[in-house]
């Protein structure tokens, strides 16, 4: 991993743990703004990377009578998304995959991510989820 990439990832990791900072930064620099939780979001479907996020979003959309009419925040894989959902009172489904499956899968897919960094990200993500579990649907 280049020093620039490492710095970028470290900044994203830190921002992703803070709802306000992440939301503000993503609104300015994010590529797919429709993935971010806003007050207009209908539902949030989030999980740690490699936890079945794409499957869950596609399955949820296909189960709806008007699948294109829903604003679904998803695939940012940061704890801030969960915090924003709780803050706005938006229903949130959190996908949980066991760490012994999710972490190696992430490290194999994203070669620049070390096992140590993946484990820290997993713990950080699920710490936020655990603190808000009574307001979330854990799947």
N, C-alpha and C. Protein backbone atom coordinates (compact mmCIF):
# COMPACT_ATOMS: atom_id res chain seq x y z
N UNK A 1 0.85 -1.17 0.00
CA UNK A 1 0.00 0.00 0.00
C UNK A 1 0.90 1.24 0.00
N UNK A 2 0.58 2.19 -0.86
CA UNK A 2 1.37 3.41 -0.92
C UNK A 2 1.09 4.27 0.32
N UNK A 3 2.00 5.15 0.67
CA UNK A 3 1.76 6.03 1.82
C UNK A 3 0.50 6.89 1.66
N UNK A 4 0.21 7.34 0.45
CA UNK A 4 -0.99 8.14 0.20
C UNK A 4 -2.24 7.31 0.45
N UNK A 5 -2.25 6.08 -0.07
CA UNK A 5 -3.39 5.19 0.14
C UNK A 5 -3.57 4.88 1.61
N UNK A 6 -2.48 4.64 2.31
CA UNK A 6 -2.55 4.35 3.74
C UNK A 6 -3.11 5.53 4.51
N UNK A 7 -2.68 6.74 4.16
CA UNK A 7 -3.20 7.94 4.83
C UNK A 7 -4.68 8.12 4.55
N UNK A 8 -5.07 7.93 3.30
CA UNK A 8 -6.49 8.05 2.92
C UNK A 8 -7.34 7.06 3.71
N UNK A 9 -6.88 5.82 3.79
CA UNK A 9 -7.63 4.79 4.52
C UNK A 9 -7.71 5.11 6.01
N UNK A 10 -6.63 5.61 6.58
CA UNK A 10 -6.63 5.97 8.00
C UNK A 10 -7.63 7.09 8.28
N UNK A 11 -7.68 8.07 7.40
CA UNK A 11 -8.63 9.17 7.55
C UNK A 11 -10.06 8.66 7.44
N UNK A 12 -10.32 7.83 6.44
CA UNK A 12 -11.67 7.27 6.27
C UNK A 12 -12.08 6.42 7.47
N UNK A 13 -11.14 5.65 7.99
CA UNK A 13 -11.45 4.83 9.17
C UNK A 13 -11.86 5.70 10.34
N UNK A 14 -11.15 6.79 10.57
CA UNK A 14 -11.47 7.70 11.68
C UNK A 14 -12.80 8.41 11.44
N UNK A 15 -12.99 8.95 10.24
CA UNK A 15 -14.23 9.66 9.93
C UNK A 15 -15.44 8.75 10.02
N UNK A 16 -15.28 7.51 9.60
CA UNK A 16 -16.39 6.56 9.58
C UNK A 16 -16.96 6.24 10.93
N UNK A 17 -16.24 6.59 11.99
CA UNK A 17 -16.73 6.36 13.35
C UNK A 17 -17.51 7.54 13.92
N UNK A 18 -17.61 8.64 13.18
CA UNK A 18 -18.25 9.85 13.68
C UNK A 18 -19.33 10.31 12.70
N UNK A 19 -20.57 10.31 13.15
CA UNK A 19 -21.69 10.61 12.25
C UNK A 19 -21.56 11.96 11.57
N UNK A 20 -21.33 13.01 12.35
CA UNK A 20 -21.29 14.35 11.77
C UNK A 20 -20.11 14.51 10.81
N UNK A 21 -18.92 14.12 11.26
CA UNK A 21 -17.73 14.28 10.42
C UNK A 21 -17.84 13.46 9.13
N UNK A 22 -18.28 12.22 9.26
CA UNK A 22 -18.40 11.38 8.07
C UNK A 22 -19.43 11.95 7.11
N UNK A 23 -20.59 12.32 7.63
CA UNK A 23 -21.66 12.84 6.79
C UNK A 23 -21.19 14.09 6.03
N UNK A 24 -20.55 15.00 6.74
CA UNK A 24 -20.07 16.23 6.10
C UNK A 24 -19.02 15.93 5.04
N UNK A 25 -18.06 15.09 5.37
CA UNK A 25 -16.99 14.76 4.43
C UNK A 25 -17.54 14.02 3.21
N UNK A 26 -18.47 13.10 3.43
CA UNK A 26 -19.00 12.32 2.31
C UNK A 26 -19.84 13.20 1.39
N UNK A 27 -20.57 14.15 1.96
CA UNK A 27 -21.36 15.06 1.12
C UNK A 27 -20.45 15.87 0.18
N UNK A 28 -19.26 16.19 0.66
CA UNK A 28 -18.31 16.98 -0.14
C UNK A 28 -17.54 16.09 -1.12
N UNK A 29 -17.01 14.97 -0.63
CA UNK A 29 -16.07 14.19 -1.42
C UNK A 29 -16.58 12.83 -1.88
N UNK A 30 -17.73 12.41 -1.41
CA UNK A 30 -18.23 11.09 -1.76
C UNK A 30 -18.65 10.99 -3.21
N UNK A 31 -18.46 9.82 -3.77
CA UNK A 31 -18.78 9.62 -5.18
C UNK A 31 -20.25 9.28 -5.40
N UNK A 32 -20.83 8.46 -4.55
CA UNK A 32 -22.21 8.01 -4.73
C UNK A 32 -23.04 8.52 -3.56
N UNK A 33 -23.45 9.77 -3.64
CA UNK A 33 -24.13 10.42 -2.53
C UNK A 33 -25.46 9.76 -2.17
N UNK A 34 -26.07 9.06 -3.11
CA UNK A 34 -27.34 8.40 -2.82
C UNK A 34 -27.18 7.25 -1.83
N UNK A 35 -25.96 6.82 -1.56
CA UNK A 35 -25.73 5.73 -0.60
C UNK A 35 -25.70 6.22 0.85
N UNK A 36 -25.55 7.53 1.05
CA UNK A 36 -25.44 8.11 2.38
C UNK A 36 -26.81 8.27 3.02
N UNK A 37 -26.90 8.01 4.31
CA UNK A 37 -28.13 8.23 5.06
C UNK A 37 -28.42 9.73 5.12
N UNK A 38 -29.66 10.09 4.77
CA UNK A 38 -30.14 11.46 4.93
C UNK A 38 -31.52 11.38 5.56
N UNK A 39 -32.09 12.52 5.87
CA UNK A 39 -33.44 12.55 6.44
C UNK A 39 -34.47 11.96 5.48
N UNK A 40 -34.15 11.91 4.19
CA UNK A 40 -35.08 11.38 3.18
C UNK A 40 -34.91 9.90 2.90
N UNK A 41 -33.98 9.25 3.57
CA UNK A 41 -33.74 7.82 3.37
C UNK A 41 -34.91 7.02 3.92
N UNK A 42 -35.34 5.99 3.18
CA UNK A 42 -36.44 5.13 3.64
C UNK A 42 -35.96 4.02 4.55
N UNK A 43 -34.81 3.44 4.25
CA UNK A 43 -34.27 2.35 5.05
C UNK A 43 -32.75 2.30 4.86
N UNK A 44 -32.07 1.82 5.88
CA UNK A 44 -30.62 1.63 5.82
C UNK A 44 -30.34 0.14 5.89
N UNK A 45 -29.53 -0.35 4.97
CA UNK A 45 -29.07 -1.74 4.99
C UNK A 45 -27.55 -1.67 4.96
N UNK A 46 -26.94 -1.97 6.08
CA UNK A 46 -25.48 -1.85 6.20
C UNK A 46 -24.89 -3.04 6.91
N UNK A 47 -23.65 -3.27 6.64
CA UNK A 47 -22.90 -4.31 7.33
C UNK A 47 -21.43 -4.10 7.07
N UNK A 48 -20.64 -4.79 7.83
CA UNK A 48 -19.20 -4.81 7.58
C UNK A 48 -18.99 -5.37 6.17
N UNK A 49 -17.94 -4.94 5.47
CA UNK A 49 -17.71 -5.50 4.13
C UNK A 49 -17.67 -7.03 4.14
N UNK A 50 -18.17 -7.62 3.07
CA UNK A 50 -18.16 -9.07 2.87
C UNK A 50 -19.16 -9.78 3.78
N UNK A 51 -20.24 -9.06 4.14
CA UNK A 51 -21.26 -9.63 5.03
C UNK A 51 -22.60 -9.85 4.32
N UNK A 52 -22.59 -9.90 3.01
CA UNK A 52 -23.82 -10.15 2.27
C UNK A 52 -24.60 -8.88 1.97
N UNK A 53 -23.92 -7.76 1.94
CA UNK A 53 -24.58 -6.47 1.72
C UNK A 53 -25.30 -6.40 0.38
N UNK A 54 -24.62 -6.76 -0.69
CA UNK A 54 -25.24 -6.68 -2.01
C UNK A 54 -26.44 -7.60 -2.11
N UNK A 55 -26.31 -8.82 -1.63
CA UNK A 55 -27.43 -9.76 -1.66
C UNK A 55 -28.62 -9.18 -0.91
N UNK A 56 -28.39 -8.64 0.28
CA UNK A 56 -29.49 -8.11 1.10
C UNK A 56 -30.19 -6.94 0.42
N UNK A 57 -29.43 -6.03 -0.16
CA UNK A 57 -30.03 -4.87 -0.83
C UNK A 57 -30.85 -5.32 -2.04
N UNK A 58 -30.30 -6.20 -2.85
CA UNK A 58 -31.02 -6.68 -4.04
C UNK A 58 -32.27 -7.45 -3.63
N UNK A 59 -32.16 -8.33 -2.66
CA UNK A 59 -33.32 -9.10 -2.20
C UNK A 59 -34.39 -8.19 -1.63
N UNK A 60 -34.00 -7.19 -0.86
CA UNK A 60 -34.97 -6.26 -0.29
C UNK A 60 -35.68 -5.49 -1.39
N UNK A 61 -34.93 -4.99 -2.36
CA UNK A 61 -35.55 -4.24 -3.47
C UNK A 61 -36.53 -5.13 -4.24
N UNK A 62 -36.13 -6.37 -4.51
CA UNK A 62 -36.99 -7.26 -5.29
C UNK A 62 -38.26 -7.64 -4.55
N UNK A 63 -38.24 -7.56 -3.23
CA UNK A 63 -39.42 -7.91 -2.44
C UNK A 63 -40.43 -6.76 -2.35
N UNK A 64 -40.08 -5.60 -2.86
CA UNK A 64 -40.96 -4.43 -2.78
C UNK A 64 -41.86 -4.35 -4.00
N UNK A 65 -43.05 -3.76 -3.82
CA UNK A 65 -43.95 -3.58 -4.95
C UNK A 65 -43.45 -2.48 -5.89
N UNK A 66 -42.71 -1.52 -5.35
CA UNK A 66 -42.13 -0.45 -6.16
C UNK A 66 -40.65 -0.34 -5.82
N UNK A 67 -39.83 -1.30 -6.27
CA UNK A 67 -38.43 -1.36 -5.83
C UNK A 67 -37.61 -0.13 -6.15
N UNK A 68 -37.91 0.56 -7.22
CA UNK A 68 -37.14 1.74 -7.57
C UNK A 68 -37.55 2.98 -6.79
N UNK A 69 -38.67 2.89 -6.08
CA UNK A 69 -39.19 4.05 -5.36
C UNK A 69 -38.64 4.24 -3.96
N UNK A 70 -37.78 3.35 -3.52
CA UNK A 70 -37.23 3.44 -2.17
C UNK A 70 -35.84 4.06 -2.18
N UNK A 71 -35.60 4.91 -1.20
CA UNK A 71 -34.25 5.45 -1.00
C UNK A 71 -33.57 4.58 0.05
N UNK A 72 -32.65 3.74 -0.41
CA UNK A 72 -31.94 2.82 0.49
C UNK A 72 -30.50 3.28 0.62
N UNK A 73 -30.09 3.57 1.86
CA UNK A 73 -28.69 3.89 2.13
C UNK A 73 -27.97 2.57 2.40
N UNK A 74 -26.84 2.37 1.74
CA UNK A 74 -26.16 1.07 1.86
C UNK A 74 -24.73 1.14 1.34
N UNK A 75 -23.98 0.11 1.64
CA UNK A 75 -22.65 -0.15 1.08
C UNK A 75 -21.56 0.87 1.42
N UNK A 76 -21.73 1.66 2.45
CA UNK A 76 -20.62 2.53 2.85
C UNK A 76 -19.78 1.86 3.94
N UNK A 77 -20.34 0.87 4.60
CA UNK A 77 -19.61 0.01 5.55
C UNK A 77 -18.95 0.78 6.68
N UNK A 78 -19.59 1.83 7.14
CA UNK A 78 -19.03 2.60 8.26
C UNK A 78 -20.05 2.71 9.38
N UNK A 79 -19.58 2.75 10.63
CA UNK A 79 -20.49 2.88 11.77
C UNK A 79 -21.33 4.16 11.71
N UNK A 80 -20.82 5.20 11.08
CA UNK A 80 -21.56 6.46 11.00
C UNK A 80 -22.92 6.27 10.34
N UNK A 81 -23.03 5.37 9.37
CA UNK A 81 -24.32 5.12 8.72
C UNK A 81 -25.36 4.66 9.74
N UNK A 82 -24.94 3.80 10.66
CA UNK A 82 -25.85 3.29 11.69
C UNK A 82 -26.25 4.42 12.63
N UNK A 83 -25.27 5.21 13.04
CA UNK A 83 -25.55 6.36 13.91
C UNK A 83 -26.51 7.34 13.27
N UNK A 84 -26.34 7.61 11.98
CA UNK A 84 -27.24 8.51 11.27
C UNK A 84 -28.65 7.95 11.19
N UNK A 85 -28.77 6.66 10.94
CA UNK A 85 -30.10 6.03 10.89
C UNK A 85 -30.82 6.20 12.22
N UNK A 86 -30.12 5.94 13.31
CA UNK A 86 -30.72 6.09 14.64
C UNK A 86 -31.09 7.55 14.88
N UNK A 87 -30.20 8.46 14.55
CA UNK A 87 -30.46 9.90 14.75
C UNK A 87 -31.71 10.35 14.01
N UNK A 88 -31.87 9.91 12.76
CA UNK A 88 -33.02 10.31 11.95
C UNK A 88 -34.26 9.45 12.18
N UNK A 89 -34.15 8.41 12.99
CA UNK A 89 -35.29 7.52 13.22
C UNK A 89 -35.65 6.69 12.01
N UNK A 90 -34.66 6.34 11.22
CA UNK A 90 -34.87 5.56 10.00
C UNK A 90 -34.65 4.09 10.31
N UNK A 91 -35.54 3.21 9.84
CA UNK A 91 -35.32 1.78 10.06
C UNK A 91 -33.97 1.35 9.48
N UNK A 92 -33.27 0.53 10.25
CA UNK A 92 -31.95 0.08 9.82
C UNK A 92 -31.80 -1.41 10.04
N UNK A 93 -31.38 -2.10 8.98
CA UNK A 93 -31.07 -3.52 9.05
C UNK A 93 -29.55 -3.65 9.00
N UNK A 94 -29.00 -4.27 10.02
CA UNK A 94 -27.55 -4.45 10.09
C UNK A 94 -27.22 -5.92 9.85
N UNK A 95 -26.37 -6.16 8.88
CA UNK A 95 -25.98 -7.52 8.53
C UNK A 95 -24.74 -7.90 9.32
N UNK A 96 -24.77 -9.06 9.94
CA UNK A 96 -23.64 -9.51 10.74
C UNK A 96 -23.16 -10.85 10.20
N UNK A 97 -21.89 -10.90 9.88
CA UNK A 97 -21.23 -12.14 9.48
C UNK A 97 -20.13 -12.40 10.50
N UNK A 98 -19.93 -13.64 10.85
CA UNK A 98 -18.92 -13.99 11.84
C UNK A 98 -17.55 -13.46 11.41
N UNK A 99 -16.75 -12.97 12.37
CA UNK A 99 -15.45 -12.40 12.01
C UNK A 99 -14.50 -13.38 11.34
N UNK A 100 -14.60 -14.66 11.70
CA UNK A 100 -13.69 -15.64 11.09
C UNK A 100 -14.02 -15.89 9.62
N UNK A 101 -15.15 -15.39 9.15
CA UNK A 101 -15.49 -15.48 7.73
C UNK A 101 -15.34 -14.12 7.04
N UNK A 102 -15.83 -13.06 7.69
CA UNK A 102 -15.82 -11.73 7.07
C UNK A 102 -14.41 -11.16 6.91
N UNK A 103 -13.58 -11.31 7.92
CA UNK A 103 -12.25 -10.70 7.88
C UNK A 103 -11.35 -11.33 6.82
N UNK A 104 -11.21 -12.67 6.78
CA UNK A 104 -10.39 -13.24 5.70
C UNK A 104 -10.94 -12.92 4.31
N UNK A 105 -12.26 -12.90 4.17
CA UNK A 105 -12.86 -12.58 2.89
C UNK A 105 -12.48 -11.16 2.45
N UNK A 106 -12.50 -10.22 3.39
CA UNK A 106 -12.12 -8.85 3.08
C UNK A 106 -10.64 -8.75 2.70
N UNK A 107 -9.79 -9.41 3.47
CA UNK A 107 -8.34 -9.35 3.23
C UNK A 107 -7.98 -9.96 1.87
N UNK A 108 -8.66 -11.02 1.48
CA UNK A 108 -8.41 -11.64 0.18
C UNK A 108 -8.89 -10.73 -0.94
N UNK A 109 -10.04 -10.13 -0.77
CA UNK A 109 -10.61 -9.26 -1.81
C UNK A 109 -9.87 -7.93 -1.93
N UNK A 110 -9.49 -7.36 -0.81
CA UNK A 110 -8.81 -6.06 -0.77
C UNK A 110 -7.39 -6.27 -0.27
N UNK A 111 -6.47 -6.52 -1.16
CA UNK A 111 -5.11 -6.91 -0.77
C UNK A 111 -4.38 -5.85 0.04
N UNK A 112 -4.80 -4.59 -0.06
CA UNK A 112 -4.13 -3.54 0.70
C UNK A 112 -4.59 -3.48 2.16
N UNK A 113 -5.60 -4.25 2.52
CA UNK A 113 -6.11 -4.27 3.89
C UNK A 113 -5.42 -5.39 4.66
N UNK A 114 -4.78 -5.04 5.75
CA UNK A 114 -4.11 -6.05 6.58
C UNK A 114 -5.14 -6.73 7.50
N UNK A 115 -4.78 -7.88 8.00
CA UNK A 115 -5.66 -8.58 8.94
C UNK A 115 -5.88 -7.72 10.18
N UNK A 116 -4.82 -7.09 10.68
CA UNK A 116 -4.96 -6.22 11.86
C UNK A 116 -5.94 -5.09 11.62
N UNK A 117 -5.81 -4.44 10.47
CA UNK A 117 -6.72 -3.32 10.16
C UNK A 117 -8.15 -3.82 9.97
N UNK A 118 -8.32 -4.94 9.31
CA UNK A 118 -9.65 -5.50 9.11
C UNK A 118 -10.29 -5.86 10.45
N UNK A 119 -9.52 -6.44 11.34
CA UNK A 119 -10.04 -6.80 12.66
C UNK A 119 -10.45 -5.54 13.44
N UNK A 120 -9.63 -4.51 13.39
CA UNK A 120 -9.97 -3.25 14.08
C UNK A 120 -11.24 -2.66 13.51
N UNK A 121 -11.36 -2.64 12.18
CA UNK A 121 -12.56 -2.11 11.54
C UNK A 121 -13.79 -2.93 11.92
N UNK A 122 -13.64 -4.25 11.98
CA UNK A 122 -14.75 -5.12 12.36
C UNK A 122 -15.21 -4.79 13.78
N UNK A 123 -14.26 -4.67 14.69
CA UNK A 123 -14.58 -4.36 16.09
C UNK A 123 -15.24 -2.99 16.19
N UNK A 124 -14.68 -1.99 15.53
CA UNK A 124 -15.25 -0.64 15.57
C UNK A 124 -16.68 -0.63 15.05
N UNK A 125 -16.90 -1.27 13.91
CA UNK A 125 -18.23 -1.30 13.31
C UNK A 125 -19.23 -1.95 14.27
N UNK A 126 -18.88 -3.10 14.81
CA UNK A 126 -19.83 -3.84 15.65
C UNK A 126 -19.97 -3.25 17.04
N UNK A 127 -19.00 -2.48 17.49
CA UNK A 127 -19.14 -1.77 18.76
C UNK A 127 -20.28 -0.75 18.66
N UNK A 128 -20.33 -0.02 17.56
CA UNK A 128 -21.41 0.95 17.34
C UNK A 128 -22.74 0.23 17.24
N UNK A 129 -22.77 -0.85 16.50
CA UNK A 129 -24.00 -1.63 16.36
C UNK A 129 -24.48 -2.12 17.72
N UNK A 130 -23.57 -2.66 18.50
CA UNK A 130 -23.92 -3.19 19.81
C UNK A 130 -24.51 -2.11 20.71
N UNK A 131 -23.94 -0.92 20.67
CA UNK A 131 -24.42 0.17 21.52
C UNK A 131 -25.82 0.63 21.14
N UNK A 132 -26.24 0.35 19.91
CA UNK A 132 -27.55 0.80 19.43
C UNK A 132 -28.48 -0.36 19.08
N UNK A 133 -28.13 -1.55 19.52
CA UNK A 133 -28.83 -2.76 19.06
C UNK A 133 -30.33 -2.75 19.33
N UNK A 134 -30.79 -2.06 20.37
CA UNK A 134 -32.23 -2.05 20.65
C UNK A 134 -33.00 -1.18 19.66
N UNK A 135 -32.31 -0.45 18.78
CA UNK A 135 -32.97 0.39 17.79
C UNK A 135 -32.73 -0.11 16.37
N UNK A 136 -32.16 -1.31 16.24
CA UNK A 136 -31.78 -1.84 14.93
C UNK A 136 -32.33 -3.24 14.73
N UNK A 137 -32.48 -3.62 13.48
CA UNK A 137 -32.77 -5.01 13.14
C UNK A 137 -31.44 -5.65 12.80
N UNK A 138 -31.02 -6.61 13.63
CA UNK A 138 -29.75 -7.29 13.43
C UNK A 138 -30.03 -8.59 12.68
N UNK A 139 -29.39 -8.76 11.53
CA UNK A 139 -29.63 -9.94 10.69
C UNK A 139 -28.33 -10.71 10.53
